[in-house]
PDB file of all heavy atoms in Angstrom:
ATOM      1  N   GLN A   1      75.155 112.064 109.656  1.00  0.00           N
ATOM      2  CA  GLN A   1      76.535 112.041 110.135  1.00  0.00           C
ATOM      3  C   GLN A   1      77.432 111.617 108.983  1.00  0.00           C
ATOM      4  O   GLN A   1      77.262 110.528 108.423  1.00  0.00           O
ATOM      5  CB  GLN A   1      76.700 111.088 111.311  1.00  0.00           C
ATOM      6  CG  GLN A   1      78.099 111.090 111.907  1.00  0.00           C
ATOM      7  CD  GLN A   1      78.216 110.220 113.142  1.00  0.00           C
ATOM      8  OE1 GLN A   1      77.286 109.503 113.495  1.00  0.00           O
ATOM      9  NE2 GLN A   1      79.354 110.285 113.809  1.00  0.00           N
ATOM     10  N   LEU A   2      78.357 112.466 108.623  1.00  0.00           N
ATOM     11  CA  LEU A   2      79.294 112.184 107.546  1.00  0.00           C
ATOM     12  C   LEU A   2      80.625 111.761 108.145  1.00  0.00           C
ATOM     13  O   LEU A   2      81.146 112.429 109.046  1.00  0.00           O
ATOM     14  CB  LEU A   2      79.483 113.433 106.678  1.00  0.00           C
ATOM     15  CG  LEU A   2      78.205 113.937 105.994  1.00  0.00           C
ATOM     16  CD1 LEU A   2      78.446 115.306 105.372  1.00  0.00           C
ATOM     17  CD2 LEU A   2      77.730 112.951 104.938  1.00  0.00           C
ATOM     18  N   VAL A   3      81.163 110.657 107.652  1.00  0.00           N
ATOM     19  CA  VAL A   3      82.413 110.126 108.169  1.00  0.00           C
ATOM     20  C   VAL A   3      83.369 109.892 107.013  1.00  0.00           C
ATOM     21  O   VAL A   3      83.123 109.033 106.156  1.00  0.00           O
ATOM     22  CB  VAL A   3      82.193 108.817 108.948  1.00  0.00           C
ATOM     23  CG1 VAL A   3      83.518 108.302 109.491  1.00  0.00           C
ATOM     24  CG2 VAL A   3      81.187 109.023 110.080  1.00  0.00           C
ATOM     25  N   GLU A   4      84.445 110.666 106.992  1.00  0.00           N
ATOM     26  CA  GLU A   4      85.449 110.554 105.945  1.00  0.00           C
ATOM     27  C   GLU A   4      86.579 109.625 106.383  1.00  0.00           C
ATOM     28  O   GLU A   4      86.923 109.577 107.571  1.00  0.00           O
ATOM     29  CB  GLU A   4      86.031 111.932 105.616  1.00  0.00           C
ATOM     30  CG  GLU A   4      85.022 112.955 105.154  1.00  0.00           C
ATOM     31  CD  GLU A   4      84.430 113.795 106.282  1.00  0.00           C
ATOM     32  OE1 GLU A   4      84.652 113.460 107.465  1.00  0.00           O
ATOM     33  OE2 GLU A   4      83.737 114.790 105.972  1.00  0.00           O
ATOM     34  N   SER A   5      87.155 108.921 105.418  1.00  0.00           N
ATOM     35  CA  SER A   5      88.274 108.027 105.708  1.00  0.00           C
ATOM     36  C   SER A   5      89.121 107.851 104.457  1.00  0.00           C
ATOM     37  O   SER A   5      88.711 108.239 103.357  1.00  0.00           O
ATOM     38  CB  SER A   5      87.763 106.672 106.199  1.00  0.00           C
ATOM     39  OG  SER A   5      86.998 106.030 105.197  1.00  0.00           O
ATOM     40  N   GLY A   6      90.296 107.271 104.650  1.00  0.00           N
ATOM     41  CA  GLY A   6      91.150 106.927 103.526  1.00  0.00           C
ATOM     42  C   GLY A   6      92.361 107.810 103.326  1.00  0.00           C
ATOM     43  O   GLY A   6      93.169 107.561 102.436  1.00  0.00           O
ATOM     44  N   GLY A   7      92.486 108.851 104.120  1.00  0.00           N
ATOM     45  CA  GLY A   7      93.639 109.725 103.980  1.00  0.00           C
ATOM     46  C   GLY A   7      94.919 109.079 104.487  1.00  0.00           C
ATOM     47  O   GLY A   7      94.902 107.982 105.034  1.00  0.00           O
ATOM     48  N   GLY A   8      96.019 109.780 104.292  1.00  0.00           N
ATOM     49  CA  GLY A   8      97.298 109.271 104.752  1.00  0.00           C
ATOM     50  C   GLY A   8      98.443 110.030 104.142  1.00  0.00           C
ATOM     51  O   GLY A   8      98.248 111.085 103.512  1.00  0.00           O
ATOM     52  N   LEU A   9      99.630 109.497 104.337  1.00  0.00           N
ATOM     53  CA  LEU A   9     100.844 110.081 103.785  1.00  0.00           C
ATOM     54  C   LEU A   9     101.188 109.360 102.488  1.00  0.00           C
ATOM     55  O   LEU A   9     101.256 108.119 102.462  1.00  0.00           O
ATOM     56  CB  LEU A   9     101.992 109.940 104.785  1.00  0.00           C
ATOM     57  CG  LEU A   9     103.381 110.354 104.315  1.00  0.00           C
ATOM     58  CD1 LEU A   9     103.425 111.838 103.987  1.00  0.00           C
ATOM     59  CD2 LEU A   9     104.417 110.002 105.382  1.00  0.00           C
ATOM     60  N   VAL A  10     101.407 110.107 101.437  1.00  0.00           N
ATOM     61  CA  VAL A  10     101.724 109.527 100.142  1.00  0.00           C
ATOM     62  C   VAL A  10     102.796 110.379  99.464  1.00  0.00           C
ATOM     63  O   VAL A  10     102.859 111.595  99.682  1.00  0.00           O
ATOM     64  CB  VAL A  10     100.445 109.419  99.276  1.00  0.00           C
ATOM     65  CG1 VAL A  10      99.863 110.788  98.977  1.00  0.00           C
ATOM     66  CG2 VAL A  10     100.691 108.632  98.012  1.00  0.00           C
ATOM     67  N   GLN A  11     103.615 109.741  98.659  1.00  0.00           N
ATOM     68  CA  GLN A  11     104.647 110.465  97.933  1.00  0.00           C
ATOM     69  C   GLN A  11     104.054 111.183  96.723  1.00  0.00           C
ATOM     70  O   GLN A  11     103.008 110.758  96.201  1.00  0.00           O
ATOM     71  CB  GLN A  11     105.743 109.501  97.479  1.00  0.00           C
ATOM     72  CG  GLN A  11     106.563 108.920  98.615  1.00  0.00           C
ATOM     73  CD  GLN A  11     107.731 108.094  98.117  1.00  0.00           C
ATOM     74  OE1 GLN A  11     107.748 107.638  96.980  1.00  0.00           O
ATOM     75  NE2 GLN A  11     108.713 107.897  98.982  1.00  0.00           N
ATOM     76  N   PRO A  12     104.682 112.232  96.272  1.00  0.00           N
ATOM     77  CA  PRO A  12     104.216 112.889  95.044  1.00  0.00           C
ATOM     78  C   PRO A  12     104.103 111.879  93.905  1.00  0.00           C
ATOM     79  O   PRO A  12     104.982 111.024  93.738  1.00  0.00           O
ATOM     80  CB  PRO A  12     105.303 113.930  94.773  1.00  0.00           C
ATOM     81  CG  PRO A  12     105.850 114.239  96.125  1.00  0.00           C
ATOM     82  CD  PRO A  12     105.823 112.938  96.877  1.00  0.00           C
ATOM     83  N   GLY A  13     103.015 111.998  93.153  1.00  0.00           N
ATOM     84  CA  GLY A  13     102.748 111.050  92.081  1.00  0.00           C
ATOM     85  C   GLY A  13     101.935 109.858  92.508  1.00  0.00           C
ATOM     86  O   GLY A  13     101.477 109.075  91.653  1.00  0.00           O
ATOM     87  N   GLY A  14     101.732 109.697  93.793  1.00  0.00           N
ATOM     88  CA  GLY A  14     100.987 108.557  94.304  1.00  0.00           C
ATOM     89  C   GLY A  14      99.483 108.741  94.242  1.00  0.00           C
ATOM     90  O   GLY A  14      98.982 109.752  93.740  1.00  0.00           O
ATOM     91  N   SER A  15      98.781 107.746  94.769  1.00  0.00           N
ATOM     92  CA  SER A  15      97.315 107.733  94.715  1.00  0.00           C
ATOM     93  C   SER A  15      96.723 107.409  96.079  1.00  0.00           C
ATOM     94  O   SER A  15      97.346 106.723  96.890  1.00  0.00           O
ATOM     95  CB  SER A  15      96.827 106.684  93.710  1.00  0.00           C
ATOM     96  OG  SER A  15      97.271 106.961  92.407  1.00  0.00           O
ATOM     97  N   LEU A  16      95.525 107.910  96.290  1.00  0.00           N
ATOM     98  CA  LEU A  16      94.725 107.577  97.457  1.00  0.00           C
ATOM     99  C   LEU A  16      93.262 107.542  97.045  1.00  0.00           C
ATOM    100  O   LEU A  16      92.861 108.246  96.108  1.00  0.00           O
ATOM    101  CB  LEU A  16      94.883 108.612  98.573  1.00  0.00           C
ATOM    102  CG  LEU A  16      96.157 108.586  99.424  1.00  0.00           C
ATOM    103  CD1 LEU A  16      96.172 109.799 100.351  1.00  0.00           C
ATOM    104  CD2 LEU A  16      96.261 107.305 100.219  1.00  0.00           C
ATOM    105  N   ARG A  17      92.480 106.761  97.782  1.00  0.00           N
ATOM    106  CA  ARG A  17      91.042 106.737  97.569  1.00  0.00           C
ATOM    107  C   ARG A  17      90.342 107.085  98.882  1.00  0.00           C
ATOM    108  O   ARG A  17      90.476 106.373  99.863  1.00  0.00           O
ATOM    109  CB  ARG A  17      90.571 105.366  97.097  1.00  0.00           C
ATOM    110  CG  ARG A  17      89.105 105.351  96.657  1.00  0.00           C
ATOM    111  CD  ARG A  17      88.603 103.934  96.513  1.00  0.00           C
ATOM    112  NE  ARG A  17      87.344 103.864  95.774  1.00  0.00           N
ATOM    113  CZ  ARG A  17      86.464 102.865  95.912  1.00  0.00           C
ATOM    114  NH1 ARG A  17      86.721 101.872  96.748  1.00  0.00           N
ATOM    115  NH2 ARG A  17      85.341 102.863  95.207  1.00  0.00           N
ATOM    116  N   LEU A  18      89.615 108.182  98.860  1.00  0.00           N
ATOM    117  CA  LEU A  18      88.873 108.620 100.031  1.00  0.00           C
ATOM    118  C   LEU A  18      87.436 108.099  99.974  1.00  0.00           C
ATOM    119  O   LEU A  18      86.877 107.957  98.890  1.00  0.00           O
ATOM    120  CB  LEU A  18      88.864 110.134 100.125  1.00  0.00           C
ATOM    121  CG  LEU A  18      90.212 110.847 100.056  1.00  0.00           C
ATOM    122  CD1 LEU A  18      90.017 112.349 100.256  1.00  0.00           C
ATOM    123  CD2 LEU A  18      91.179 110.284 101.075  1.00  0.00           C
ATOM    124  N   SER A  19      86.874 107.861 101.141  1.00  0.00           N
ATOM    125  CA  SER A  19      85.477 107.438 101.242  1.00  0.00           C
ATOM    126  C   SER A  19      84.735 108.352 102.199  1.00  0.00           C
ATOM    127  O   SER A  19      85.302 108.845 103.177  1.00  0.00           O
ATOM    128  CB  SER A  19      85.385 106.004 101.759  1.00  0.00           C
ATOM    129  OG  SER A  19      85.991 105.092 100.882  1.00  0.00           O
ATOM    130  N   CYS A  20      83.460 108.542 101.934  1.00  0.00           N
ATOM    131  CA  CYS A  20      82.589 109.343 102.788  1.00  0.00           C
ATOM    132  C   CYS A  20      81.314 108.556 103.029  1.00  0.00           C
ATOM    133  O   CYS A  20      80.502 108.376 102.119  1.00  0.00           O
ATOM    134  CB  CYS A  20      82.268 110.674 102.118  1.00  0.00           C
ATOM    135  SG  CYS A  20      80.922 111.593 102.898  1.00  0.00           S
ATOM    136  N   ALA A  21      81.155 108.077 104.254  1.00  0.00           N
ATOM    137  CA  ALA A  21      79.970 107.303 104.612  1.00  0.00           C
ATOM    138  C   ALA A  21      78.884 108.236 105.135  1.00  0.00           C
ATOM    139  O   ALA A  21      79.181 109.218 105.807  1.00  0.00           O
ATOM    140  CB  ALA A  21      80.326 106.277 105.669  1.00  0.00           C
ATOM    141  N   GLY A  22      77.633 107.902 104.825  1.00  0.00           N
ATOM    142  CA  GLY A  22      76.507 108.698 105.305  1.00  0.00           C
ATOM    143  C   GLY A  22      75.994 109.711 104.310  1.00  0.00           C
ATOM    144  O   GLY A  22      75.243 110.613 104.671  1.00  0.00           O
ATOM    145  N   SER A  23      76.367 109.584 103.056  1.00  0.00           N
ATOM    146  CA  SER A  23      76.035 110.609 102.057  1.00  0.00           C
ATOM    147  C   SER A  23      74.561 110.632 101.676  1.00  0.00           C
ATOM    148  O   SER A  23      74.060 111.669 101.224  1.00  0.00           O
ATOM    149  CB  SER A  23      76.874 110.402 100.808  1.00  0.00           C
ATOM    150  OG  SER A  23      76.632 109.119 100.250  1.00  0.00           O
ATOM    151  N   GLY A  24      73.829 109.512 101.815  1.00  0.00           N
ATOM    152  CA  GLY A  24      72.462 109.471 101.324  1.00  0.00           C
ATOM    153  C   GLY A  24      72.429 109.502  99.808  1.00  0.00           C
ATOM    154  O   GLY A  24      73.459 109.387  99.137  1.00  0.00           O
ATOM    155  N   SER A  25      71.231 109.679  99.259  1.00  0.00           N
ATOM    156  CA  SER A  25      71.100 109.641  97.801  1.00  0.00           C
ATOM    157  C   SER A  25      70.284 110.792  97.234  1.00  0.00           C
ATOM    158  O   SER A  25      70.020 110.826  96.028  1.00  0.00           O
ATOM    159  CB  SER A  25      70.439 108.315  97.389  1.00  0.00           C
ATOM    160  OG  SER A  25      69.152 108.202  97.995  1.00  0.00           O
TER     161      SER A  25
END
């Protein structure tokens, strides 16, 4: 099960960090 998070609304030039849980190795 892959669960993505960290998105949102950001202004141009801004930053975000996304995470994906369940990736395995």
